[in-house]
Protein backbone atom coordinates (compact mmCIF):
# COMPACT_ATOMS: atom_id res chain seq x y z
CA UNK A 1 48.64 -13.99 -133.79
CA UNK A 2 50.00 -14.69 -137.83
CA UNK A 3 51.42 -11.08 -139.15
CA UNK A 4 50.62 -10.28 -142.68
CA UNK A 5 53.30 -11.42 -144.77
CA UNK A 6 53.16 -8.29 -147.80
CA UNK A 7 55.64 -10.56 -150.35
CA UNK A 8 53.61 -11.85 -152.74
CA UNK A 9 50.27 -10.92 -151.77
CA UNK A 10 49.92 -8.38 -154.90
CA UNK A 11 50.22 -12.03 -156.78
CA UNK A 12 47.39 -13.77 -154.77
CA UNK A 13 44.99 -10.86 -155.65
CA UNK A 14 46.15 -10.55 -159.75
CA UNK A 15 45.34 -14.63 -159.90
CA UNK A 16 41.09 -14.27 -158.60
CA UNK A 17 40.83 -10.88 -160.63
CA UNK A 18 42.15 -12.87 -164.15
CA UNK A 19 40.15 -15.61 -163.38
CA UNK A 20 36.82 -12.78 -162.90
CA UNK A 21 38.08 -11.33 -166.09
CA UNK A 22 38.65 -15.05 -168.30
CA UNK A 23 35.30 -15.51 -166.44
CA UNK A 24 33.06 -12.85 -167.70
CA UNK A 25 33.62 -12.27 -171.59
CA UNK A 26 32.13 -8.90 -171.76
CA UNK A 27 34.07 -7.29 -168.95
CA UNK A 28 36.13 -4.69 -171.19
CA UNK A 29 37.75 -3.13 -168.40
CA UNK A 30 39.86 -4.06 -165.37
CA UNK A 31 37.86 -3.59 -162.05
CA UNK A 32 38.24 -0.50 -160.53
CA UNK A 33 41.21 -0.06 -157.99
CA UNK A 34 38.87 0.98 -155.42
CA UNK A 35 36.75 -2.40 -155.97
CA UNK A 36 39.83 -4.35 -155.87
CA UNK A 37 41.08 -2.61 -152.62
CA UNK A 38 37.75 -2.95 -151.08
CA UNK A 39 37.38 -6.45 -151.97
CA UNK A 40 40.53 -8.06 -150.95
CA UNK A 41 41.42 -5.37 -148.23
CA UNK A 42 44.86 -4.37 -149.69
CA UNK A 43 46.32 -1.08 -150.14
CA UNK A 44 46.84 0.83 -153.13
CA UNK A 45 50.07 0.00 -153.61
CA UNK A 46 49.13 -3.47 -153.78
CA UNK A 47 46.45 -3.51 -155.67
CA UNK A 48 48.39 -1.29 -158.49
CA UNK A 49 50.98 -4.32 -158.48
CA UNK A 50 48.51 -6.37 -158.62
CA UNK A 51 47.34 -4.43 -162.00
CA UNK A 52 50.83 -4.32 -162.95
CA UNK A 53 50.54 -8.14 -163.07
CA UNK A 54 47.79 -8.53 -165.04
CA UNK A 55 48.95 -6.01 -168.18
């Protein structure tokens, strides 16, 4: 069974969120924290770190 490796996970989430923002010129804000957590099945801490990278 493959174990999750949290190291770098936030970077794997930041990339698709960045593309989502770039692809939608009308997007004025980041997706919500809850959306990122749900869509990528990650914890709040990982989602917050991804947002930190995007800033």
